[in-house]
Amino acid sequence: MLDKIKVVPLAAESLGVRSMCTYIETSDVKILLDAGVSLAPNRHGFPPHPKEYEALQKCREKISRAADEAEVVTLSHYHFDHHTPSYVDWCYNWSSPDVARHIYEGKLVLVKNFRSKVNFSQRRRGWLFKKTGGSHAGKLEVADGKMFDFGDTKLKFSTPVFHGSENSALGWLLMVTIECCGEKVLFASDVQGPMCKSTLETIIAENPQLAIIGGPPIYLAGFRVKEEHVQQGMANLESLVKNVQTTIVEHHLLREEKWRELSQPIFDAASEKSHRVVTAAELLGEENNLLEFRREHLFEVEPPGPEFERWMKLLRPKRKLTKPPI
């Protein structure tokens, strides 16, 4: 698919966690995109299952190994599944000051501006990141709308785009295009399809051979997200895959049990153009390990042992400070 740009997904919904963390390498530079990973605190009335913690720990280990190699770390926005906080939380983020230091220390860290085009919660998280994990960076630089050159490799960051629909309360994020010797990979985390037409137009104008896209949150349609916004995201994703040779579809879309069935028009649209749509796991040649929407079933067929049950009964602050017995 690509000769000059190596792309390795490290953590994603298809790998059992909430994340889009990806390692990218060219002959000029090694990049770690959105180095965060999380689990949903509650889904269908259930907390994370031990299998989710196993996936969380495994993905954290992969991110840690990639951080050993990376020279650049990017941060598209300040949600915890896209960056690593510097506080202890083994319950949902598998994070600690040491974990964050290992990822960001000595690196060129390219981040979304937390002072403009940002909502309140991300402004606060961005400020905290600068004081904590970001303080370990060799250099911390705002990347909004900027381009960075590393030999024959260019990193081109978009101006802020909406986190989902236009004027979303969830704020804004940065997309980034990695270009090397005529090849392009575009990384667009929580664009949710994209839902916003102008974001779709920006992606198509970049003309990447590979796009890594956060899909629409169909599991929230008619509940926390308007049905028409989700359908717009699906329609825009269908347009996107017609214009991109290979699309990795991940994130919110894969939190829905019937995601594959509901996405059939997208796969059909890609197939008509001899294009490809895959998950991160499928790109790696692995089976999809979709866990979050299966929680109730997992607790029924693989009930946790007594030690994990005792851990689950701890108050949340205590659980965050104590690694789960897996």
Foldseek 3Di string as FASTA:
>chain_A
DDDFKDKAFLDFLLLQWFARWIWIDGPFFTEIFQLWTWHDCADPRDGDDVVSLVSLVRSLVSLLVSLVRHQEYEAFFQDRRRAAAAPFFLRITNHHLVSLLSNAAAHAYEYADLPPQAADVRVVSVVRCCVGSVVRHVHYYYQAQHWDDGPQKIKGKYHWDDLAAPPDNRTTTIKIWIDGPHAIEIEEERCALVLYPVVLVVLLVVQHQEYEDEHHQPVCDPNPDDVVSNVSSLVSNLVNLLRHQEYAYGHNLLLDPCSCVVNVSSQVSNVVNNHYYHHSQVVVVHGRDNPNNCVVVCCVPPNDDPQQVVLVPDDNVVNSNDNGDD
